[in-house]
Protein backbone atom coordinates (compact mmCIF):
# COMPACT_ATOMS: atom_id res chain seq x y z
CA MET A 1 -6.47 2.90 -15.56
CA SER A 2 -7.96 5.91 -13.76
CA HIS A 3 -6.75 7.09 -10.36
CA GLU A 4 -10.09 6.08 -8.87
CA ALA A 5 -9.76 2.55 -10.23
CA GLN A 6 -6.20 2.31 -8.94
CA ASN A 7 -7.31 3.57 -5.51
CA LYS A 8 -9.98 0.86 -5.35
CA LYS A 9 -7.47 -1.78 -6.43
CA VAL A 10 -4.96 -0.74 -3.74
CA LEU A 11 -7.67 -0.53 -1.06
CA LYS A 12 -8.99 -3.99 -1.91
CA TYR A 13 -5.46 -5.43 -1.79
CA MET A 14 -4.73 -3.77 1.54
CA LEU A 15 -7.94 -5.08 3.09
CA ASN A 16 -6.99 -8.63 2.12
CA HIS A 17 -3.24 -8.63 2.83
CA PRO A 18 -1.13 -7.61 5.83
CA VAL A 19 1.08 -5.07 3.98
CA ILE A 20 1.70 -3.52 0.58
CA THR A 21 4.98 -2.19 -0.83
CA THR A 22 5.90 -0.44 -4.07
CA THR A 23 7.30 -3.72 -5.42
CA ILE A 24 4.02 -5.51 -4.74
CA ALA A 25 2.05 -2.66 -6.31
CA ILE A 26 4.16 -2.72 -9.46
CA TYR A 27 4.35 -6.47 -10.05
CA GLN A 28 0.98 -7.65 -8.73
CA LEU A 29 -1.29 -4.64 -9.31
CA ASN A 30 0.47 -2.89 -12.23
CA ILE A 31 0.46 0.38 -10.26
CA THR A 32 3.69 2.37 -10.33
CA ARG A 33 2.76 5.33 -8.09
CA LEU A 34 1.79 3.65 -4.84
CA GLY A 35 2.70 6.74 -2.79
CA ALA A 36 0.16 8.81 -4.74
CA ARG A 37 -2.55 6.18 -4.22
CA ILE A 38 -1.77 6.04 -0.48
CA PHE A 39 -2.03 9.84 -0.34
CA ASP A 40 -5.44 9.72 -2.06
CA LEU A 41 -6.74 6.97 0.24
CA LYS A 42 -5.55 8.83 3.36
CA ALA A 43 -7.31 11.97 2.09
CA MET A 44 -10.49 9.87 1.82
CA GLY A 45 -10.17 8.95 5.49
CA VAL A 46 -8.66 5.47 5.24
CA PRO A 47 -6.46 4.87 8.34
CA ILE A 48 -3.23 3.83 6.60
CA ASN A 49 -0.02 3.39 8.57
CA GLY A 50 3.49 3.02 7.19
CA ARG A 51 7.03 2.30 8.24
CA MET A 52 10.45 2.21 6.64
CA VAL A 53 12.09 -1.23 6.57
CA TYR A 54 15.89 -1.39 6.47
CA SER A 55 17.77 -4.48 5.36
CA LYS A 56 20.77 -5.61 3.32
CA HIS A 57 21.04 -7.31 -0.05
CA SER A 58 22.85 -10.66 -0.23
CA ASP A 59 26.03 -8.78 -1.18
CA GLY A 60 25.80 -6.64 1.96
CA THR A 61 24.68 -3.37 0.37
CA PRO A 62 21.96 -1.62 2.33
CA THR A 63 18.41 -1.31 1.04
CA ARG A 64 15.17 0.13 2.31
CA TRP A 65 11.51 0.22 1.40
CA LYS A 66 8.25 1.40 2.88
CA GLU A 67 5.46 -0.90 3.99
CA TYR A 68 1.89 0.33 4.31
CA TRP A 69 -1.02 -1.32 6.10
CA ILE A 70 -4.55 -0.57 7.27
CA GLU A 71 -5.53 -0.96 10.89
CA LYS A 72 -8.59 -3.01 10.02
CA ASN A 73 -10.20 -2.54 13.44
CA GLU A 74 -10.10 1.24 12.82
CA TYR A 75 -11.44 1.13 9.24
CA VAL A 76 -15.16 1.30 8.65
CA GLY A 77 -15.60 1.45 4.90
CA THR A 78 -17.98 0.30 2.23
CA GLU A 79 -15.33 -1.58 0.22
CA SER A 80 -15.86 -5.31 0.63
CA ALA A 81 -12.85 -7.28 1.77
């Protein structure tokens, strides 16, 4: 799948869901380089925000991941939701 097609897939997902993570991108969208797609979308002017989430596994070991979202009231795009 081309980068452009992946960008569209990520954008559509983000417009219809509150957040996206690398795990979601891999297992639901079959996209392994979410960070690259986020970079591309930001370069195209999409207002994407992100934050690191820190937690612990059930065995107590620490884990972290990044969540990304679009401030929908700030985004005026042609992609249908």
